[in-house]
């Protein structure tokens, strides 16, 4: 049975209940809706934009009779409060970390960013032709994304350990 109005789900939610509400409205599996959002995420970020818009305009399940303007205002206020709490939690987590550990990670990240910037600058100025002639088998289209993935994984793992 189709609901009269599209609302966020209170019972089936991962982030804000948007996908669960859409699934309840169309009487389909919420995993399918979430999968569609993930697919749209990889299409130029459309999934994130669509989810944020729906999170703002969709009323909560228990407030389906609310006027659209009131629902939007309430959703924006709630999102602001949740972001503020998340920012405070993140800030307190950073302050709990030892300054020496943060400084060490920042130093390595700074060195790495300088080296990446230098490489890209020299490559754009065509000053790395000798490098490409010597290392003709070296594919930068694959290498740099792998480097960025490894750096991200290293940062996450080191954060979990420390």
Protein backbone atom coordinates (compact mmCIF):
# COMPACT_ATOMS: atom_id res chain seq x y z
CA UNK A 1 0.00 0.00 0.00
CA UNK A 2 1.40 3.41 -0.99
CA UNK A 3 1.59 6.13 1.65
CA UNK A 4 -0.13 9.43 1.00
CA UNK A 5 3.09 11.40 1.47
CA UNK A 6 6.80 10.72 1.08
CA UNK A 7 8.47 10.95 4.51
CA UNK A 8 11.71 9.95 6.17
CA UNK A 9 11.65 6.59 7.89
CA UNK A 10 12.13 6.45 11.66
CA UNK A 11 12.71 2.71 11.77
CA UNK A 12 14.78 2.03 8.65
CA UNK A 13 17.52 4.61 8.58
CA UNK A 14 21.27 4.63 8.24
CA UNK A 15 21.95 8.38 8.04
CA UNK A 16 18.70 10.32 8.04
CA UNK A 17 15.98 7.90 6.89
CA UNK A 18 15.71 9.20 3.32
CA UNK A 19 16.34 5.89 1.55
CA UNK A 20 14.17 4.01 4.04
CA UNK A 21 11.33 6.49 3.49
CA UNK A 22 11.57 6.18 -0.29
CA UNK A 23 11.57 2.39 0.03
CA UNK A 24 8.52 2.47 2.30
CA UNK A 25 6.71 4.84 -0.06
CA UNK A 26 7.28 2.64 -3.12
CA UNK A 27 7.09 -0.61 -1.10
CA UNK A 28 10.50 -1.86 -2.26
CA UNK A 29 13.62 -3.11 -0.52
CA UNK A 30 15.61 -0.20 1.00
CA UNK A 31 18.86 -1.85 -0.10
CA UNK A 32 17.86 -1.22 -3.70
CA UNK A 33 17.24 2.46 -2.96
CA UNK A 34 20.59 2.75 -1.17
CA UNK A 35 22.31 1.03 -4.08
CA UNK A 36 20.77 3.53 -6.51
CA UNK A 37 22.10 6.39 -4.37
CA UNK A 38 25.57 4.82 -4.36
CA UNK A 39 25.45 4.48 -8.14
CA UNK A 40 24.39 8.13 -8.41
CA UNK A 41 27.23 9.01 -6.03
CA UNK A 42 29.74 7.83 -8.61
CA UNK A 43 27.98 9.81 -11.34
CA UNK A 44 29.64 13.17 -10.57
CA UNK A 45 28.42 13.18 -6.97
CA UNK A 46 24.77 13.39 -7.92
CA UNK A 47 23.85 10.92 -5.16
CA UNK A 48 25.17 13.16 -2.39
CA UNK A 49 23.47 16.24 -3.77
CA UNK A 50 20.16 14.41 -4.22
CA UNK A 51 20.36 12.88 -0.73
CA UNK A 52 21.09 16.25 0.89
CA UNK A 53 18.19 17.89 -0.95
CA UNK A 54 15.83 15.09 0.06
CA UNK A 55 17.10 15.15 3.66
CA UNK A 56 16.22 18.84 3.77
CA UNK A 57 12.80 18.75 2.09
CA UNK A 58 11.37 15.41 3.29
CA UNK A 59 9.42 15.64 6.56
CA UNK A 60 9.91 13.09 9.32
CA UNK A 61 7.51 10.17 9.48
CA UNK A 62 5.82 11.41 12.65
CA UNK A 63 5.36 14.90 11.20
CA UNK A 64 3.84 14.07 7.82
CA UNK A 65 1.10 16.66 8.33
CA UNK A 66 3.64 19.47 8.71
CA UNK A 67 3.72 22.27 6.16
CA UNK A 68 6.64 21.99 3.70
CA UNK A 69 8.27 25.22 4.90
CA UNK A 70 8.14 24.09 8.52
CA UNK A 71 9.59 20.69 7.64
CA UNK A 72 12.46 22.29 5.73
CA UNK A 73 13.21 24.72 8.55
CA UNK A 74 13.15 21.93 11.15
CA UNK A 75 15.35 19.66 9.01
CA UNK A 76 17.91 22.41 8.42
CA UNK A 77 18.05 23.19 12.15
CA UNK A 78 18.44 19.52 13.03
CA UNK A 79 21.16 19.05 10.41
CA UNK A 80 22.98 22.11 11.77
CA UNK A 81 22.84 20.74 15.30
CA UNK A 82 24.06 17.31 14.17
CA UNK A 83 26.93 18.88 12.22
CA UNK A 84 27.85 21.03 15.22
CA UNK A 85 27.89 17.97 17.48
CA UNK A 86 29.98 16.03 14.97
CA UNK A 87 32.42 18.93 14.68
CA UNK A 88 32.74 19.20 18.46
CA UNK A 89 33.27 15.45 18.75
CA UNK A 90 35.89 15.55 16.00
CA UNK A 91 37.61 18.51 17.67
CA UNK A 92 37.70 16.79 21.04
CA UNK A 93 39.10 13.65 19.40
CA UNK A 94 41.87 15.69 17.81
CA UNK A 95 42.68 17.46 21.05
CA UNK A 96 42.93 14.09 22.82
CA UNK A 97 45.58 12.96 20.36
CA UNK A 98 49.07 13.78 21.39
CA UNK A 99 50.38 16.87 19.67
CA UNK A 100 53.54 15.02 18.77
CA UNK A 101 51.62 12.31 16.86
CA UNK A 102 49.53 14.89 15.02
CA UNK A 103 52.64 16.92 14.22
CA UNK A 104 54.40 13.83 12.87
CA UNK A 105 51.46 12.97 10.58
CA UNK A 106 51.14 16.59 9.49
CA UNK A 107 54.85 16.76 8.68
CA UNK A 108 54.71 13.60 6.52
CA UNK A 109 51.54 14.76 4.84
CA UNK A 110 53.13 18.16 4.16
CA UNK A 111 56.22 16.58 2.60
CA UNK A 112 54.07 14.30 0.48
CA UNK A 113 51.87 17.16 -0.75
CA UNK A 114 54.95 19.20 -1.67
CA UNK A 115 56.39 16.27 -3.64
CA UNK A 116 53.09 15.65 -5.41
CA UNK A 117 52.73 19.33 -6.24
CA UNK A 118 56.30 19.49 -7.52
CA UNK A 119 55.78 16.42 -9.70
CA UNK A 120 52.55 17.77 -11.21
CA UNK A 121 54.09 21.22 -11.77
CA UNK A 122 57.14 19.81 -13.53
CA UNK A 123 54.97 17.42 -15.53
CA UNK A 124 52.69 20.27 -16.69
CA UNK A 125 55.74 22.31 -17.69
CA UNK A 126 56.97 19.32 -19.77
CA UNK A 127 60.14 19.17 -17.69
CA UNK A 128 59.79 15.46 -16.93
CA UNK A 129 60.24 14.13 -20.46
CA UNK A 130 63.50 12.48 -19.43
CA UNK A 131 61.66 10.70 -16.61
CA UNK A 132 59.02 9.38 -19.00
CA UNK A 133 61.71 8.29 -21.48
CA UNK A 134 63.60 6.31 -18.84
CA UNK A 135 60.54 4.90 -17.09
CA UNK A 136 58.34 4.35 -20.16
CA UNK A 137 56.57 1.45 -18.41
CA UNK A 138 55.55 3.70 -15.50
CA UNK A 139 51.86 4.59 -15.86
CA UNK A 140 51.07 7.77 -13.90
CA UNK A 141 47.35 7.39 -14.61
CA UNK A 142 47.36 4.34 -12.33
CA UNK A 143 50.21 5.24 -9.99
CA UNK A 144 48.92 8.50 -8.49
CA UNK A 145 45.43 7.24 -7.67
CA UNK A 146 47.07 4.24 -5.99
CA UNK A 147 49.39 6.55 -4.04
CA UNK A 148 46.43 8.62 -2.84
CA UNK A 149 44.50 5.48 -1.84
CA UNK A 150 47.51 4.14 0.08
CA UNK A 151 48.01 7.48 1.84
CA UNK A 152 44.38 7.57 2.86
CA UNK A 153 44.53 3.97 4.11
CA UNK A 154 47.75 4.72 6.01
CA UNK A 155 46.18 7.77 7.66
CA UNK A 156 43.08 5.81 8.68
CA UNK A 157 45.04 2.83 10.00
CA UNK A 158 47.48 5.02 11.92
CA UNK A 159 44.50 6.90 13.40
CA UNK A 160 42.90 3.64 14.53
CA UNK A 161 46.13 2.44 16.14
CA UNK A 162 46.91 5.65 17.94
